[in-house]
Amino acid sequence: MARERILLKISGGNLKKSGDISFFNDDIFSNLMDQIEELVKEYDVALVVGGGNIWRGNSNTFSFLEESSAHHIGMLATLMNAIAIQNYLNKRGIKNRIYSAFSCPKIAEELNEENVKRSLDSGEVVIFGAGTGMPFVSTDTCAAIRAIEIGVSKLLVGKHNVKGVFDKDPHKHSDAKFLEKLSYEEILSMKLDVFDRTALALLAPRNVKICVFNQNTKDSFVKVLKGELEHTVIY
């Protein structure tokens, strides 16, 4: 019997704590590995990791740096995070493989949809790096594309210090209303700045549920799947 397949979108910004000098926080990584170790017992697991703990391509302030180059640096940052995650998984004895959207043969396999599916079928955790390989494309959209390619039932989207989707920015509006469930049509019509609209448009015709939650909560990915953490479901 085929196992349920899930994709975890891991915010790079949540891989370290505020004030950390290093790009990585050992406690955060250890908890993430604890969760993956538990999830692989029941699910086929793939990861899309951001690079915001190292570099954000859309936040470039250097006048000499071309916008496309800034995005390429961001994609390389996601590969750096993928390598770090791989090392943690290796220490736990968890089989895994990095697939990169652009050629980087000493670090990762070149992205190939059929090879990715074979890796998942064999029990490997798949780590996607380098985004889509194209500048100007968000990690959200990358996650949507990968979710469609590998046929996941759920896309788990960890956010930074926000428990899910609100009708307006909860950091700016004290009366913001938490939304437990939303259809794709509803969230697209409300124009909420919670998930890239291109990604939503890609996923809307498919039967993929998006779970949005606070990744900063300990064991957040596991708790969401067990129904033990408040979150928003987009369906």
C-alpha atoms as a PDB file:
ATOM      1  CA  MET A   1       0.000   0.000   0.000  1.00  0.00           C
ATOM      2  CA  ALA A   2       1.399   3.394  -1.023  1.00  0.00           C
ATOM      3  CA  ARG A   3       2.236   5.745   1.799  1.00  0.00           C
ATOM      4  CA  GLU A   4       0.930   9.283   2.021  1.00  0.00           C
ATOM      5  CA  ARG A   5       3.392  11.756   0.529  1.00  0.00           C
ATOM      6  CA  ILE A   6       3.974  15.158   2.135  1.00  0.00           C
ATOM      7  CA  LEU A   7       6.113  18.189   1.378  1.00  0.00           C
ATOM      8  CA  LEU A   8       7.527  20.388   4.120  1.00  0.00           C
ATOM      9  CA  LYS A   9       8.294  23.975   3.180  1.00  0.00           C
ATOM     10  CA  ILE A  10      10.923  25.016   5.685  1.00  0.00           C
ATOM     11  CA  SER A  11      11.488  28.709   6.210  1.00  0.00           C
ATOM     12  CA  GLY A  12      15.201  29.494   6.082  1.00  0.00           C
ATOM     13  CA  GLY A  13      14.625  32.391   8.449  1.00  0.00           C
ATOM     14  CA  ASN A  14      13.438  29.906  11.072  1.00  0.00           C
ATOM     15  CA  LEU A  15      16.662  27.888  11.001  1.00  0.00           C
ATOM     16  CA  LYS A  16      18.279  30.311  13.403  1.00  0.00           C
ATOM     17  CA  LYS A  17      17.136  32.432  16.327  1.00  0.00           C
ATOM     18  CA  SER A  18      17.005  36.192  16.379  1.00  0.00           C
ATOM     19  CA  GLY A  19      20.427  37.467  17.394  1.00  0.00           C
ATOM     20  CA  ASP A  20      22.298  34.324  16.316  1.00  0.00           C
ATOM     21  CA  ILE A  21      25.620  35.134  14.650  1.00  0.00           C
ATOM     22  CA  SER A  22      25.750  31.766  12.904  1.00  0.00           C
ATOM     23  CA  PHE A  23      23.485  30.912   9.965  1.00  0.00           C
ATOM     24  CA  PHE A  24      22.266  27.836  11.846  1.00  0.00           C
ATOM     25  CA  ASN A  25      20.943  27.081  15.326  1.00  0.00           C
ATOM     26  CA  ASP A  26      21.762  23.629  16.660  1.00  0.00           C
ATOM     27  CA  ASP A  27      18.655  23.361  18.855  1.00  0.00           C
ATOM     28  CA  ILE A  28      16.362  24.285  15.959  1.00  0.00           C
ATOM     29  CA  PHE A  29      18.046  21.799  13.624  1.00  0.00           C
ATOM     30  CA  SER A  30      17.938  19.057  16.255  1.00  0.00           C
ATOM     31  CA  ASN A  31      14.207  19.520  16.762  1.00  0.00           C
ATOM     32  CA  LEU A  32      13.617  19.555  13.009  1.00  0.00           C
ATOM     33  CA  MET A  33      15.529  16.276  12.682  1.00  0.00           C
ATOM     34  CA  ASP A  34      13.531  14.771  15.571  1.00  0.00           C
ATOM     35  CA  GLN A  35      10.388  15.561  13.625  1.00  0.00           C
ATOM     36  CA  ILE A  36      11.624  14.204  10.306  1.00  0.00           C
ATOM     37  CA  GLU A  37      12.785  11.039  12.075  1.00  0.00           C
ATOM     38  CA  GLU A  38       9.231  10.559  13.346  1.00  0.00           C
ATOM     39  CA  LEU A  39       7.516  11.522  10.088  1.00  0.00           C
ATOM     40  CA  VAL A  40       9.462   9.075   7.891  1.00  0.00           C
ATOM     41  CA  LYS A  41       7.956   6.195   9.863  1.00  0.00           C
ATOM     42  CA  GLU A  42       4.563   7.022   8.360  1.00  0.00           C
ATOM     43  CA  TYR A  43       5.062   9.299   5.338  1.00  0.00           C
ATOM     44  CA  ASP A  44       7.151   9.806   2.229  1.00  0.00           C
ATOM     45  CA  VAL A  45       8.846  13.101   3.097  1.00  0.00           C
ATOM     46  CA  ALA A  46      10.228  15.814   0.839  1.00  0.00           C
ATOM     47  CA  LEU A  47      11.576  19.210   1.875  1.00  0.00           C
ATOM     48  CA  VAL A  48      11.761  22.570   0.146  1.00  0.00           C
ATOM     49  CA  VAL A  49      14.056  24.809   2.140  1.00  0.00           C
ATOM     50  CA  GLY A  50      14.391  28.567   1.887  1.00  0.00           C
ATOM     51  CA  GLY A  51      17.567  30.580   2.308  1.00  0.00           C
ATOM     52  CA  GLY A  52      16.419  33.547   4.375  1.00  0.00           C
ATOM     53  CA  ASN A  53      18.783  32.791   7.253  1.00  0.00           C
ATOM     54  CA  ILE A  54      21.653  33.496   4.843  1.00  0.00           C
ATOM     55  CA  TRP A  55      20.385  35.740   2.051  1.00  0.00           C
ATOM     56  CA  ARG A  56      17.109  36.964   0.597  1.00  0.00           C
ATOM     57  CA  GLY A  57      17.236  37.650  -3.115  1.00  0.00           C
ATOM     58  CA  ASN A  58      14.373  40.123  -2.977  1.00  0.00           C
ATOM     59  CA  SER A  59      15.985  42.137  -0.153  1.00  0.00           C
ATOM     60  CA  ASN A  60      19.182  43.109  -1.945  1.00  0.00           C
ATOM     61  CA  THR A  61      20.415  46.607  -1.048  1.00  0.00           C
ATOM     62  CA  PHE A  62      23.717  46.546  -2.944  1.00  0.00           C
ATOM     63  CA  SER A  63      23.646  48.924  -5.893  1.00  0.00           C
ATOM     64  CA  PHE A  64      26.348  46.984  -7.767  1.00  0.00           C
ATOM     65  CA  LEU A  65      24.412  43.713  -7.648  1.00  0.00           C
ATOM     66  CA  GLU A  66      22.057  42.891 -10.494  1.00  0.00           C
ATOM     67  CA  GLU A  67      18.622  41.778  -9.352  1.00  0.00           C
ATOM     68  CA  SER A  68      18.931  38.416 -11.084  1.00  0.00           C
ATOM     69  CA  SER A  69      22.327  37.849  -9.435  1.00  0.00           C
ATOM     70  CA  ALA A  70      20.805  38.596  -6.037  1.00  0.00           C
ATOM     71  CA  HIS A  71      18.242  35.870  -6.678  1.00  0.00           C
ATOM     72  CA  HIS A  72      20.954  33.424  -7.757  1.00  0.00           C
ATOM     73  CA  ILE A  73      22.766  34.072  -4.464  1.00  0.00           C
ATOM     74  CA  GLY A  74      19.486  33.296  -2.707  1.00  0.00           C
ATOM     75  CA  MET A  75      19.214  30.011  -4.578  1.00  0.00           C
ATOM     76  CA  LEU A  76      22.754  29.101  -3.523  1.00  0.00           C
ATOM     77  CA  ALA A  77      21.750  29.902   0.061  1.00  0.00           C
ATOM     78  CA  THR A  78      19.018  27.256  -0.158  1.00  0.00           C
ATOM     79  CA  LEU A  79      21.647  24.735  -1.270  1.00  0.00           C
ATOM     80  CA  MET A  80      23.795  25.649   1.733  1.00  0.00           C
ATOM     81  CA  ASN A  81      20.811  24.919   3.964  1.00  0.00           C
ATOM     82  CA  ALA A  82      20.160  21.668   2.095  1.00  0.00           C
ATOM     83  CA  ILE A  83      23.734  20.528   2.804  1.00  0.00           C
ATOM     84  CA  ALA A  84      23.342  21.377   6.496  1.00  0.00           C
ATOM     85  CA  ILE A  85      20.064  19.439   6.678  1.00  0.00           C
ATOM     86  CA  GLN A  86      21.664  16.492   4.880  1.00  0.00           C
ATOM     87  CA  ASN A  87      24.484  16.369   7.419  1.00  0.00           C
ATOM     88  CA  TYR A  88      22.021  16.334  10.302  1.00  0.00           C
ATOM     89  CA  LEU A  89      19.998  13.567   8.634  1.00  0.00           C
ATOM     90  CA  ASN A  90      23.156  11.538   7.976  1.00  0.00           C
ATOM     91  CA  LYS A  91      24.079  11.744  11.660  1.00  0.00           C
ATOM     92  CA  ARG A  92      20.672  10.238  12.463  1.00  0.00           C
ATOM     93  CA  GLY A  93      21.078   7.477   9.907  1.00  0.00           C
ATOM     94  CA  ILE A  94      18.131   8.783   7.868  1.00  0.00           C
ATOM     95  CA  LYS A  95      18.468   8.058   4.156  1.00  0.00           C
ATOM     96  CA  ASN A  96      18.272  11.212   2.078  1.00  0.00           C
ATOM     97  CA  ARG A  97      19.185  12.814  -1.207  1.00  0.00           C
ATOM     98  CA  ILE A  98      19.571  16.429  -2.355  1.00  0.00           C
ATOM     99  CA  TYR A  99      18.159  17.400  -5.731  1.00  0.00           C
ATOM    100  CA  SER A 100      19.213  20.737  -7.179  1.00  0.00           C
ATOM    101  CA  ALA A 101      17.378  22.779  -9.793  1.00  0.00           C
ATOM    102  CA  PHE A 102      20.704  23.665 -11.398  1.00  0.00           C
ATOM    103  CA  SER A 103      23.783  21.561 -11.952  1.00  0.00           C
ATOM    104  CA  CYS A 104      25.977  21.208  -8.872  1.00  0.00           C
ATOM    105  CA  PRO A 105      27.202  17.602  -9.188  1.00  0.00           C
ATOM    106  CA  LYS A 106      29.616  17.522  -6.250  1.00  0.00           C
ATOM    107  CA  ILE A 107      26.816  18.520  -3.891  1.00  0.00           C
ATOM    108  CA  ALA A 108      23.508  17.338  -5.301  1.00  0.00           C
ATOM    109  CA  GLU A 109      21.759  15.245  -7.908  1.00  0.00           C
ATOM    110  CA  GLU A 110      20.420  17.189 -10.860  1.00  0.00           C
ATOM    111  CA  LEU A 111      16.653  17.502 -10.594  1.00  0.00           C
ATOM    112  CA  ASN A 112      14.797  14.772 -12.455  1.00  0.00           C
ATOM    113  CA  GLU A 113      11.158  14.076 -11.636  1.00  0.00           C
ATOM    114  CA  GLU A 114      11.325  10.304 -12.100  1.00  0.00           C
ATOM    115  CA  ASN A 115      14.515   9.991 -10.041  1.00  0.00           C
ATOM    116  CA  VAL A 116      12.927  12.046  -7.269  1.00  0.00           C
ATOM    117  CA  LYS A 117       9.912   9.733  -7.196  1.00  0.00           C
ATOM    118  CA  ARG A 118      12.185   6.685  -7.080  1.00  0.00           C
ATOM    119  CA  SER A 119      14.051   8.211  -4.141  1.00  0.00           C
ATOM    120  CA  LEU A 120      10.794   8.767  -2.271  1.00  0.00           C
ATOM    121  CA  ASP A 121       9.546   5.265  -3.110  1.00  0.00           C
ATOM    122  CA  SER A 122      12.784   3.826  -1.692  1.00  0.00           C
ATOM    123  CA  GLY A 123      12.294   5.642   1.617  1.00  0.00           C
ATOM    124  CA  GLU A 124      14.750   8.474   1.106  1.00  0.00           C
ATOM    125  CA  VAL A 125      13.985  11.952   2.393  1.00  0.00           C
ATOM    126  CA  VAL A 126      14.232  14.251  -0.616  1.00  0.00           C
ATOM    127  CA  ILE A 127      15.732  17.706  -0.066  1.00  0.00           C
ATOM    128  CA  PHE A 128      15.053  20.198  -2.844  1.00  0.00           C
ATOM    129  CA  GLY A 129      17.652  22.947  -3.239  1.00  0.00           C
ATOM    130  CA  ALA A 130      18.186  25.938  -5.543  1.00  0.00           C
ATOM    131  CA  GLY A 131      14.506  26.793  -5.806  1.00  0.00           C
ATOM    132  CA  THR A 132      13.257  26.482  -9.381  1.00  0.00           C
ATOM    133  CA  GLY A 133      16.682  27.405 -10.753  1.00  0.00           C
ATOM    134  CA  MET A 134      15.194  30.609 -12.125  1.00  0.00           C
ATOM    135  CA  PRO A 135      15.437  34.118 -10.649  1.00  0.00           C
ATOM    136  CA  PHE A 136      12.337  36.094  -9.648  1.00  0.00           C
ATOM    137  CA  VAL A 137      10.476  32.953  -8.556  1.00  0.00           C
ATOM    138  CA  SER A 138       9.553  32.603  -4.880  1.00  0.00           C
ATOM    139  CA  THR A 139      10.213  29.577  -2.694  1.00  0.00           C
ATOM    140  CA  ASP A 140       6.419  29.335  -2.303  1.00  0.00           C
ATOM    141  CA  THR A 141       6.058  28.814  -6.041  1.00  0.00           C
ATOM    142  CA  CYS A 142       8.918  26.321  -5.999  1.00  0.00           C
ATOM    143  CA  ALA A 143       7.132  24.378  -3.241  1.00  0.00           C
ATOM    144  CA  ALA A 144       3.899  24.382  -5.258  1.00  0.00           C
ATOM    145  CA  ILE A 145       5.655  23.064  -8.369  1.00  0.00           C
ATOM    146  CA  ARG A 146       7.483  20.325  -6.446  1.00  0.00           C
ATOM    147  CA  ALA A 147       4.255  19.358  -4.646  1.00  0.00           C
ATOM    148  CA  ILE A 148       2.516  18.880  -7.987  1.00  0.00           C
ATOM    149  CA  GLU A 149       5.447  17.019  -9.553  1.00  0.00           C
ATOM    150  CA  ILE A 150       5.758  14.421  -6.800  1.00  0.00           C
ATOM    151  CA  GLY A 151       2.036  14.102  -6.074  1.00  0.00           C
ATOM    152  CA  VAL A 152       1.751  15.122  -2.431  1.00  0.00           C
ATOM    153  CA  SER A 153      -1.509  15.166  -0.488  1.00  0.00           C
ATOM    154  CA  LYS A 154      -0.383  17.899   1.900  1.00  0.00           C
ATOM    155  CA  LEU A 155       1.958  20.870   1.702  1.00  0.00           C
ATOM    156  CA  LEU A 156       3.053  22.001   5.162  1.00  0.00           C
ATOM    157  CA  VAL A 157       4.080  25.649   5.227  1.00  0.00           C
ATOM    158  CA  GLY A 158       5.927  26.850   8.320  1.00  0.00           C
ATOM    159  CA  LYS A 159       5.689  30.568   9.025  1.00  0.00           C
ATOM    160  CA  HIS A 160       7.707  32.798  11.348  1.00  0.00           C
ATOM    161  CA  ASN A 161       5.873  33.565  14.616  1.00  0.00           C
ATOM    162  CA  VAL A 162       2.365  33.499  13.161  1.00  0.00           C
ATOM    163  CA  LYS A 163      -0.023  30.603  13.793  1.00  0.00           C
ATOM    164  CA  GLY A 164      -1.684  30.604  10.385  1.00  0.00           C
ATOM    165  CA  VAL A 165      -3.723  32.847   8.115  1.00  0.00           C
ATOM    166  CA  PHE A 166      -5.479  35.981   9.358  1.00  0.00           C
ATOM    167  CA  ASP A 167      -7.850  38.321   7.547  1.00  0.00           C
ATOM    168  CA  LYS A 168      -5.182  41.024   7.947  1.00  0.00           C
ATOM    169  CA  ASP A 169      -1.656  41.323   9.297  1.00  0.00           C
ATOM    170  CA  PRO A 170      -1.837  40.312  12.999  1.00  0.00           C
ATOM    171  CA  HIS A 171       1.427  42.126  13.711  1.00  0.00           C
ATOM    172  CA  LYS A 172      -0.148  45.414  12.606  1.00  0.00           C
ATOM    173  CA  HIS A 173      -3.806  44.929  13.555  1.00  0.00           C
ATOM    174  CA  SER A 174      -4.830  43.779  17.030  1.00  0.00           C
ATOM    175  CA  ASP A 175      -8.320  42.923  15.740  1.00  0.00           C
ATOM    176  CA  ALA A 176      -7.035  40.560  13.043  1.00  0.00           C
ATOM    177  CA  LYS A 177      -9.240  37.465  12.806  1.00  0.00           C
ATOM    178  CA  PHE A 178      -7.663  34.020  12.630  1.00  0.00           C
ATOM    179  CA  LEU A 179      -8.968  31.901   9.755  1.00  0.00           C
ATOM    180  CA  GLU A 180      -9.032  28.172  10.465  1.00  0.00           C
ATOM    181  CA  LYS A 181     -10.160  27.038   7.000  1.00  0.00           C
ATOM    182  CA  LEU A 182     -10.110  28.717   3.594  1.00  0.00           C
ATOM    183  CA  SER A 183     -10.810  27.536   0.082  1.00  0.00           C
ATOM    184  CA  TYR A 184      -8.361  28.472  -2.651  1.00  0.00           C
ATOM    185  CA  GLU A 185     -11.056  30.684  -4.150  1.00  0.00           C
ATOM    186  CA  GLU A 186     -11.523  32.534  -0.864  1.00  0.00           C
ATOM    187  CA  ILE A 187      -7.852  33.186  -0.220  1.00  0.00           C
ATOM    188  CA  LEU A 188      -7.260  34.321  -3.800  1.00  0.00           C
ATOM    189  CA  SER A 189     -10.221  36.700  -3.660  1.00  0.00           C
ATOM    190  CA  MET A 190      -9.108  38.164  -0.304  1.00  0.00           C
ATOM    191  CA  LYS A 191      -5.644  38.980  -1.661  1.00  0.00           C
ATOM    192  CA  LEU A 192      -3.950  38.041   1.601  1.00  0.00           C
ATOM    193  CA  ASP A 193      -0.170  38.333   1.767  1.00  0.00           C
ATOM    194  CA  VAL A 194       0.457  34.916   3.276  1.00  0.00           C
ATOM    195  CA  PHE A 195       1.447  32.717   0.336  1.00  0.00           C
ATOM    196  CA  ASP A 196       2.606  33.615  -3.146  1.00  0.00           C
ATOM    197  CA  ARG A 197      -0.408  34.056  -5.432  1.00  0.00           C
ATOM    198  CA  THR A 198       1.297  32.267  -8.311  1.00  0.00           C
ATOM    199  CA  ALA A 199       1.768  29.260  -6.036  1.00  0.00           C
ATOM    200  CA  LEU A 200      -1.886  29.368  -4.980  1.00  0.00           C
ATOM    201  CA  ALA A 201      -3.037  29.577  -8.595  1.00  0.00           C
ATOM    202  CA  LEU A 202      -0.934  26.524  -9.468  1.00  0.00           C
ATOM    203  CA  LEU A 203      -2.297  24.463  -6.589  1.00  0.00           C
ATOM    204  CA  ALA A 204      -5.950  25.568  -6.795  1.00  0.00           C
ATOM    205  CA  PRO A 205      -7.023  23.042  -9.487  1.00  0.00           C
ATOM    206  CA  ARG A 206      -5.242  20.181  -7.704  1.00  0.00           C
ATOM    207  CA  ASN A 207      -6.223  18.224  -4.636  1.00  0.00           C
ATOM    208  CA  VAL A 208      -3.405  19.477  -2.392  1.00  0.00           C
ATOM    209  CA  LYS A 209      -4.171  20.763   1.086  1.00  0.00           C
ATOM    210  CA  ILE A 210      -1.921  23.535   2.404  1.00  0.00           C
ATOM    211  CA  CYS A 211      -1.402  23.662   6.169  1.00  0.00           C
ATOM    212  CA  VAL A 212      -0.065  27.026   7.388  1.00  0.00           C
ATOM    213  CA  PHE A 213       1.290  27.249  10.936  1.00  0.00           C
ATOM    214  CA  ASN A 214       3.912  28.694  13.255  1.00  0.00           C
ATOM    215  CA  GLN A 215       7.165  26.863  12.520  1.00  0.00           C
ATOM    216  CA  ASN A 216       8.746  28.365  15.650  1.00  0.00           C
ATOM    217  CA  THR A 217       6.586  26.089  17.812  1.00  0.00           C
ATOM    218  CA  LYS A 218       8.454  22.994  18.975  1.00  0.00           C
ATOM    219  CA  ASP A 219       7.501  19.859  16.998  1.00  0.00           C
ATOM    220  CA  SER A 220       5.264  22.018  14.790  1.00  0.00           C
ATOM    221  CA  PHE A 221       5.249  19.796  11.680  1.00  0.00           C
ATOM    222  CA  VAL A 222       4.418  16.664  13.680  1.00  0.00           C
ATOM    223  CA  LYS A 223       1.782  18.436  15.773  1.00  0.00           C
ATOM    224  CA  VAL A 224       0.024  19.837  12.704  1.00  0.00           C
ATOM    225  CA  LEU A 225      -0.281  16.378  11.157  1.00  0.00           C
ATOM    226  CA  LYS A 226      -1.605  15.002  14.453  1.00  0.00           C
ATOM    227  CA  GLY A 227      -4.088  17.864  14.815  1.00  0.00           C
ATOM    228  CA  GLU A 228      -2.376  19.074  17.987  1.00  0.00           C
ATOM    229  CA  LEU A 229      -1.380  22.561  16.787  1.00  0.00           C
ATOM    230  CA  GLU A 230      -3.722  25.333  15.719  1.00  0.00           C
ATOM    231  CA  HIS A 231      -3.216  26.104  12.044  1.00  0.00           C
ATOM    232  CA  THR A 232      -4.971  27.145   8.849  1.00  0.00           C
ATOM    233  CA  VAL A 233      -5.999  24.657   6.177  1.00  0.00           C
ATOM    234  CA  ILE A 234      -6.295  25.884   2.585  1.00  0.00           C
ATOM    235  CA  TYR A 235      -8.215  23.430   0.433  1.00  0.00           C
END
